[in-house]
PDB file of N, CA and C in Angstrom:
ATOM      1  N   UNK A   1       5.607   0.504  -7.166  1.00  0.00           N
ATOM      2  CA  UNK A   1       4.281   0.369  -7.727  1.00  0.00           C
ATOM      3  C   UNK A   1       3.614   1.759  -7.776  1.00  0.00           C
ATOM      4  N   UNK A   2       3.072   2.098  -8.884  1.00  0.00           N
ATOM      5  CA  UNK A   2       2.441   3.396  -9.073  1.00  0.00           C
ATOM      6  C   UNK A   2       1.044   3.418  -8.457  1.00  0.00           C
ATOM      7  N   UNK A   3       0.636   4.582  -7.976  1.00  0.00           N
ATOM      8  CA  UNK A   3      -0.704   4.727  -7.414  1.00  0.00           C
ATOM      9  C   UNK A   3      -1.736   4.734  -8.527  1.00  0.00           C
ATOM     10  N   UNK A   4      -2.851   4.104  -8.255  1.00  0.00           N
ATOM     11  CA  UNK A   4      -3.970   4.093  -9.193  1.00  0.00           C
ATOM     12  C   UNK A   4      -4.940   5.188  -8.760  1.00  0.00           C
ATOM     13  N   UNK A   5      -4.720   6.406  -9.272  1.00  0.00           N
ATOM     14  CA  UNK A   5      -5.508   7.555  -8.841  1.00  0.00           C
ATOM     15  C   UNK A   5      -6.987   7.420  -9.205  1.00  0.00           C
ATOM     16  N   UNK A   6      -7.269   6.808 -10.324  1.00  0.00           N
ATOM     17  CA  UNK A   6      -8.660   6.635 -10.746  1.00  0.00           C
ATOM     18  C   UNK A   6      -9.407   5.751  -9.749  1.00  0.00           C
ATOM     19  N   UNK A   7      -8.771   4.664  -9.341  1.00  0.00           N
ATOM     20  CA  UNK A   7      -9.375   3.762  -8.372  1.00  0.00           C
ATOM     21  C   UNK A   7      -9.514   4.442  -7.010  1.00  0.00           C
ATOM     22  N   UNK A   8      -8.492   5.201  -6.622  1.00  0.00           N
ATOM     23  CA  UNK A   8      -8.508   5.919  -5.353  1.00  0.00           C
ATOM     24  C   UNK A   8      -9.665   6.916  -5.306  1.00  0.00           C
ATOM     25  N   UNK A   9      -9.877   7.639  -6.405  1.00  0.00           N
ATOM     26  CA  UNK A   9     -10.982   8.595  -6.469  1.00  0.00           C
ATOM     27  C   UNK A   9     -12.320   7.868  -6.390  1.00  0.00           C
ATOM     28  N   UNK A  10     -12.441   6.780  -7.127  1.00  0.00           N
ATOM     29  CA  UNK A  10     -13.702   6.040  -7.161  1.00  0.00           C
ATOM     30  C   UNK A  10     -14.054   5.458  -5.792  1.00  0.00           C
ATOM     31  N   UNK A  11     -13.038   5.003  -5.058  1.00  0.00           N
ATOM     32  CA  UNK A  11     -13.309   4.328  -3.790  1.00  0.00           C
ATOM     33  C   UNK A  11     -13.339   5.255  -2.580  1.00  0.00           C
ATOM     34  N   UNK A  12     -12.701   6.433  -2.674  1.00  0.00           N
ATOM     35  CA  UNK A  12     -12.657   7.302  -1.499  1.00  0.00           C
ATOM     36  C   UNK A  12     -12.998   8.752  -1.816  1.00  0.00           C
ATOM     37  N   UNK A  13     -12.179   9.417  -2.598  1.00  0.00           N
ATOM     38  CA  UNK A  13     -12.338  10.853  -2.833  1.00  0.00           C
ATOM     39  C   UNK A  13     -13.625  11.206  -3.569  1.00  0.00           C
ATOM     40  N   UNK A  14     -14.165  10.274  -4.311  1.00  0.00           N
ATOM     41  CA  UNK A  14     -15.376  10.542  -5.075  1.00  0.00           C
ATOM     42  C   UNK A  14     -16.659  10.144  -4.378  1.00  0.00           C
ATOM     43  N   UNK A  15     -16.551   9.632  -3.158  1.00  0.00           N
ATOM     44  CA  UNK A  15     -17.755   9.234  -2.440  1.00  0.00           C
ATOM     45  C   UNK A  15     -18.546  10.477  -2.031  1.00  0.00           C
ATOM     46  N   UNK A  16     -19.849  10.370  -1.905  1.00  0.00           N
ATOM     47  CA  UNK A  16     -20.662  11.537  -1.548  1.00  0.00           C
ATOM     48  C   UNK A  16     -20.203  12.238  -0.267  1.00  0.00           C
ATOM     49  N   UNK A  17     -19.804  11.473   0.735  1.00  0.00           N
ATOM     50  CA  UNK A  17     -19.365  12.076   1.998  1.00  0.00           C
ATOM     51  C   UNK A  17     -18.098  12.899   1.802  1.00  0.00           C
ATOM     52  N   UNK A  18     -17.135  12.373   1.058  1.00  0.00           N
ATOM     53  CA  UNK A  18     -15.875  13.087   0.848  1.00  0.00           C
ATOM     54  C   UNK A  18     -16.061  14.291  -0.069  1.00  0.00           C
ATOM     55  N   UNK A  19     -16.953  14.190  -1.035  1.00  0.00           N
ATOM     56  CA  UNK A  19     -17.238  15.336  -1.902  1.00  0.00           C
ATOM     57  C   UNK A  19     -17.873  16.460  -1.091  1.00  0.00           C
ATOM     58  N   UNK A  20     -18.741  16.105  -0.160  1.00  0.00           N
ATOM     59  CA  UNK A  20     -19.373  17.094   0.710  1.00  0.00           C
ATOM     60  C   UNK A  20     -18.328  17.768   1.609  1.00  0.00           C
ATOM     61  N   UNK A  21     -17.417  16.971   2.174  1.00  0.00           N
ATOM     62  CA  UNK A  21     -16.364  17.524   3.028  1.00  0.00           C
ATOM     63  C   UNK A  21     -15.476  18.489   2.243  1.00  0.00           C
ATOM     64  N   UNK A  22     -15.113  18.128   1.035  1.00  0.00           N
ATOM     65  CA  UNK A  22     -14.274  18.985   0.193  1.00  0.00           C
ATOM     66  C   UNK A  22     -14.998  20.284  -0.128  1.00  0.00           C
ATOM     67  N   UNK A  23     -16.282  20.184  -0.380  1.00  0.00           N
ATOM     68  CA  UNK A  23     -17.092  21.368  -0.664  1.00  0.00           C
ATOM     69  C   UNK A  23     -17.093  22.317   0.538  1.00  0.00           C
ATOM     70  N   UNK A  24     -17.215  21.786   1.733  1.00  0.00           N
ATOM     71  CA  UNK A  24     -17.212  22.615   2.945  1.00  0.00           C
ATOM     72  C   UNK A  24     -15.851  23.262   3.174  1.00  0.00           C
ATOM     73  N   UNK A  25     -14.761  22.542   2.888  1.00  0.00           N
ATOM     74  CA  UNK A  25     -13.423  23.125   3.030  1.00  0.00           C
ATOM     75  C   UNK A  25     -13.221  24.252   2.030  1.00  0.00           C
ATOM     76  N   UNK A  26     -13.687  24.061   0.789  1.00  0.00           N
ATOM     77  CA  UNK A  26     -13.566  25.105  -0.229  1.00  0.00           C
ATOM     78  C   UNK A  26     -14.405  26.326   0.151  1.00  0.00           C
ATOM     79  N   UNK A  27     -15.590  26.110   0.703  1.00  0.00           N
ATOM     80  CA  UNK A  27     -16.449  27.214   1.122  1.00  0.00           C
ATOM     81  C   UNK A  27     -15.781  28.019   2.235  1.00  0.00           C
ATOM     82  N   UNK A  28     -15.058  27.339   3.111  1.00  0.00           N
ATOM     83  CA  UNK A  28     -14.355  28.027   4.196  1.00  0.00           C
ATOM     84  C   UNK A  28     -13.270  28.938   3.630  1.00  0.00           C
ATOM     85  N   UNK A  29     -12.554  28.467   2.614  1.00  0.00           N
ATOM     86  CA  UNK A  29     -11.524  29.307   1.978  1.00  0.00           C
ATOM     87  C   UNK A  29     -12.155  30.553   1.364  1.00  0.00           C
ATOM     88  N   UNK A  30     -13.281  30.382   0.695  1.00  0.00           N
ATOM     89  CA  UNK A  30     -13.970  31.530   0.086  1.00  0.00           C
ATOM     90  C   UNK A  30     -14.448  32.511   1.152  1.00  0.00           C
ATOM     91  N   UNK A  31     -14.975  31.993   2.262  1.00  0.00           N
ATOM     92  CA  UNK A  31     -15.493  32.846   3.329  1.00  0.00           C
ATOM     93  C   UNK A  31     -14.386  33.708   3.939  1.00  0.00           C
ATOM     94  N   UNK A  32     -13.168  33.186   3.968  1.00  0.00           N
ATOM     95  CA  UNK A  32     -12.040  33.934   4.520  1.00  0.00           C
ATOM     96  C   UNK A  32     -11.350  34.805   3.469  1.00  0.00           C
ATOM     97  N   UNK A  33     -11.743  34.664   2.218  1.00  0.00           N
ATOM     98  CA  UNK A  33     -11.134  35.464   1.159  1.00  0.00           C
ATOM     99  C   UNK A  33      -9.755  34.994   0.770  1.00  0.00           C
ATOM    100  N   UNK A  34      -9.463  33.718   0.977  1.00  0.00           N
ATOM    101  CA  UNK A  34      -8.153  33.175   0.619  1.00  0.00           C
ATOM    102  C   UNK A  34      -8.170  32.763  -0.849  1.00  0.00           C
ATOM    103  N   UNK A  35      -7.382  33.428  -1.649  1.00  0.00           N
ATOM    104  CA  UNK A  35      -7.375  33.159  -3.077  1.00  0.00           C
ATOM    105  C   UNK A  35      -6.299  32.186  -3.488  1.00  0.00           C
ATOM    106  N   UNK A  36      -6.236  31.926  -4.772  1.00  0.00           N
ATOM    107  CA  UNK A  36      -5.220  31.045  -5.342  1.00  0.00           C
ATOM    108  C   UNK A  36      -3.855  31.668  -5.093  1.00  0.00           C
ATOM    109  N   UNK A  37      -2.922  30.881  -4.623  1.00  0.00           N
ATOM    110  CA  UNK A  37      -1.580  31.376  -4.369  1.00  0.00           C
ATOM    111  C   UNK A  37      -1.369  31.914  -2.971  1.00  0.00           C
ATOM    112  N   UNK A  38      -2.428  32.046  -2.193  1.00  0.00           N
ATOM    113  CA  UNK A  38      -2.301  32.501  -0.807  1.00  0.00           C
ATOM    114  C   UNK A  38      -1.716  31.345   0.004  1.00  0.00           C
ATOM    115  N   UNK A  39      -0.651  31.595   0.735  1.00  0.00           N
ATOM    116  CA  UNK A  39       0.026  30.518   1.456  1.00  0.00           C
ATOM    117  C   UNK A  39      -0.709  30.110   2.727  1.00  0.00           C
ATOM    118  N   UNK A  40      -1.695  30.898   3.148  1.00  0.00           N
ATOM    119  CA  UNK A  40      -2.437  30.565   4.367  1.00  0.00           C
ATOM    120  C   UNK A  40      -3.517  29.525   4.087  1.00  0.00           C
ATOM    121  N   UNK A  41      -3.968  28.884   5.153  1.00  0.00           N
ATOM    122  CA  UNK A  41      -5.033  27.895   5.058  1.00  0.00           C
ATOM    123  C   UNK A  41      -6.178  28.294   5.973  1.00  0.00           C
ATOM    124  N   UNK A  42      -7.351  27.776   5.678  1.00  0.00           N
ATOM    125  CA  UNK A  42      -8.517  28.013   6.523  1.00  0.00           C
ATOM    126  C   UNK A  42      -8.475  27.014   7.676  1.00  0.00           C
ATOM    127  N   UNK A  43      -8.430  27.531   8.890  1.00  0.00           N
ATOM    128  CA  UNK A  43      -8.407  26.680  10.070  1.00  0.00           C
ATOM    129  C   UNK A  43      -9.782  26.715  10.718  1.00  0.00           C
ATOM    130  N   UNK A  44     -10.343  25.545  10.955  1.00  0.00           N
ATOM    131  CA  UNK A  44     -11.595  25.434  11.698  1.00  0.00           C
ATOM    132  C   UNK A  44     -11.208  25.226  13.157  1.00  0.00           C
ATOM    133  N   UNK A  45     -11.558  26.178  14.010  1.00  0.00           N
ATOM    134  CA  UNK A  45     -11.201  26.068  15.426  1.00  0.00           C
ATOM    135  C   UNK A  45     -11.758  24.771  16.012  1.00  0.00           C
ATOM    136  N   UNK A  46     -13.020  24.487  15.708  1.00  0.00           N
ATOM    137  CA  UNK A  46     -13.605  23.183  16.027  1.00  0.00           C
ATOM    138  C   UNK A  46     -13.724  22.469  14.691  1.00  0.00           C
ATOM    139  N   UNK A  47     -12.957  21.402  14.473  1.00  0.00           N
ATOM    140  CA  UNK A  47     -12.901  20.741  13.173  1.00  0.00           C
ATOM    141  C   UNK A  47     -14.264  20.272  12.657  1.00  0.00           C
ATOM    142  N   UNK A  48     -14.399  20.251  11.345  1.00  0.00           N
ATOM    143  CA  UNK A  48     -15.631  19.757  10.725  1.00  0.00           C
ATOM    144  C   UNK A  48     -15.911  18.327  11.163  1.00  0.00           C
ATOM    145  N   UNK A  49     -14.843  17.544  11.318  1.00  0.00           N
ATOM    146  CA  UNK A  49     -15.007  16.141  11.700  1.00  0.00           C
ATOM    147  C   UNK A  49     -15.538  15.974  13.120  1.00  0.00           C
ATOM    148  N   UNK A  50     -15.455  17.048  13.919  1.00  0.00           N
ATOM    149  CA  UNK A  50     -15.941  16.982  15.299  1.00  0.00           C
ATOM    150  C   UNK A  50     -17.162  17.858  15.499  1.00  0.00           C
ATOM    151  N   UNK A  51     -17.871  18.145  14.406  1.00  0.00           N
ATOM    152  CA  UNK A  51     -19.114  18.877  14.497  1.00  0.00           C
ATOM    153  C   UNK A  51     -19.014  20.377  14.302  1.00  0.00           C
ATOM    154  N   UNK A  52     -17.833  20.876  13.940  1.00  0.00           N
ATOM    155  CA  UNK A  52     -17.669  22.298  13.689  1.00  0.00           C
ATOM    156  C   UNK A  52     -18.300  22.694  12.365  1.00  0.00           C
ATOM    157  N   UNK A  53     -18.417  23.989  12.155  1.00  0.00           N
ATOM    158  CA  UNK A  53     -19.023  24.477  10.920  1.00  0.00           C
ATOM    159  C   UNK A  53     -18.190  25.555  10.275  1.00  0.00           C
ATOM    160  N   UNK A  54     -18.786  26.250   9.307  1.00  0.00           N
ATOM    161  CA  UNK A  54     -18.095  27.297   8.578  1.00  0.00           C
ATOM    162  C   UNK A  54     -18.507  28.692   9.032  1.00  0.00           C
ATOM    163  N   UNK A  55     -19.038  28.819  10.228  1.00  0.00           N
ATOM    164  CA  UNK A  55     -19.405  30.130  10.752  1.00  0.00           C
ATOM    165  C   UNK A  55     -18.173  30.998  10.973  1.00  0.00           C
ATOM    166  N   UNK A  56     -18.360  32.313  10.943  1.00  0.00           N
ATOM    167  CA  UNK A  56     -17.230  33.236  11.088  1.00  0.00           C
ATOM    168  C   UNK A  56     -16.450  33.025  12.376  1.00  0.00           C
ATOM    169  N   UNK A  57     -17.132  32.678  13.452  1.00  0.00           N
ATOM    170  CA  UNK A  57     -16.456  32.501  14.740  1.00  0.00           C
ATOM    171  C   UNK A  57     -15.626  31.221  14.793  1.00  0.00           C
ATOM    172  N   UNK A  58     -15.859  30.308  13.880  1.00  0.00           N
ATOM    173  CA  UNK A  58     -15.122  29.046  13.881  1.00  0.00           C
ATOM    174  C   UNK A  58     -13.985  29.032  12.865  1.00  0.00           C
ATOM    175  N   UNK A  59     -13.815  30.082  12.084  1.00  0.00           N
ATOM    176  CA  UNK A  59     -12.787  30.109  11.043  1.00  0.00           C
ATOM    177  C   UNK A  59     -11.709  31.132  11.336  1.00  0.00           C
ATOM    178  N   UNK A  60     -10.497  30.819  10.932  1.00  0.00           N
ATOM    179  CA  UNK A  60      -9.399  31.779  10.958  1.00  0.00           C
ATOM    180  C   UNK A  60      -8.381  31.364   9.899  1.00  0.00           C
ATOM    181  N   UNK A  61      -7.651  32.344   9.386  1.00  0.00           N
ATOM    182  CA  UNK A  61      -6.612  32.086   8.395  1.00  0.00           C
ATOM    183  C   UNK A  61      -5.291  31.944   9.128  1.00  0.00           C
ATOM    184  N   UNK A  62      -4.640  30.798   8.946  1.00  0.00           N
ATOM    185  CA  UNK A  62      -3.355  30.544   9.606  1.00  0.00           C
ATOM    186  C   UNK A  62      -2.371  29.990   8.588  1.00  0.00           C
ATOM    187  N   UNK A  63      -1.102  29.962   8.958  1.00  0.00           N
ATOM    188  CA  UNK A  63      -0.088  29.403   8.076  1.00  0.00           C
ATOM    189  C   UNK A  63      -0.278  27.895   7.966  1.00  0.00           C
ATOM    190  N   UNK A  64       0.265  27.329   6.937  1.00  0.00           N
ATOM    191  CA  UNK A  64       0.179  25.878   6.735  1.00  0.00           C
ATOM    192  C   UNK A  64       0.789  25.138   7.914  1.00  0.00           C
ATOM    193  N   UNK A  65       1.944  25.602   8.381  1.00  0.00           N
ATOM    194  CA  UNK A  65       2.634  24.954   9.497  1.00  0.00           C
ATOM    195  C   UNK A  65       1.751  24.923  10.737  1.00  0.00           C
ATOM    196  N   UNK A  66       1.150  26.052  11.075  1.00  0.00           N
ATOM    197  CA  UNK A  66       0.280  26.129  12.256  1.00  0.00           C
ATOM    198  C   UNK A  66      -0.914  25.205  12.118  1.00  0.00           C
ATOM    199  N   UNK A  67      -1.537  25.193  10.955  1.00  0.00           N
ATOM    200  CA  UNK A  67      -2.729  24.379  10.744  1.00  0.00           C
ATOM    201  C   UNK A  67      -2.441  22.889  10.785  1.00  0.00           C
ATOM    202  N   UNK A  68      -1.310  22.480  10.256  1.00  0.00           N
ATOM    203  CA  UNK A  68      -1.027  21.049  10.142  1.00  0.00           C
ATOM    204  C   UNK A  68      -0.448  20.447  11.419  1.00  0.00           C
ATOM    205  N   UNK A  69       0.115  21.262  12.307  1.00  0.00           N
ATOM    206  CA  UNK A  69       0.651  20.702  13.546  1.00  0.00           C
ATOM    207  C   UNK A  69      -0.341  20.813  14.702  1.00  0.00           C
ATOM    208  N   UNK A  70      -1.506  21.362  14.430  1.00  0.00           N
ATOM    209  CA  UNK A  70      -2.503  21.616  15.461  1.00  0.00           C
ATOM    210  C   UNK A  70      -2.887  20.374  16.257  1.00  0.00           C
ATOM    211  N   UNK A  71      -3.118  19.251  15.610  1.00  0.00           N
ATOM    212  CA  UNK A  71      -3.598  18.046  16.281  1.00  0.00           C
ATOM    213  C   UNK A  71      -2.587  16.916  16.282  1.00  0.00           C
ATOM    214  N   UNK A  72      -1.327  17.218  16.087  1.00  0.00           N
ATOM    215  CA  UNK A  72      -0.303  16.170  16.017  1.00  0.00           C
ATOM    216  C   UNK A  72       0.541  16.112  17.284  1.00  0.00           C
ATOM    217  N   UNK A  73      -0.016  16.340  18.399  1.00  0.00           N
ATOM    218  CA  UNK A  73       0.849  16.294  19.564  1.00  0.00           C
ATOM    219  C   UNK A  73       0.136  16.434  20.784  1.00  0.00           C
TER     220      UNK A  73
END
């Protein structure tokens, strides 16, 4: 069964809360100077979901592997 991306966007990704979260993640990338094609990701030392912000002291550029395994163990 194929995914219904339009429905998925309407019910989750397009909600005001998720649009705000995406905006904050994009702002973090800009603050770190990570451009298109850069393999690094913006890591929030204290995650946005746990009250962290986009301040310089809370951001660092790390590899995708490091960022994605941070909370999986």
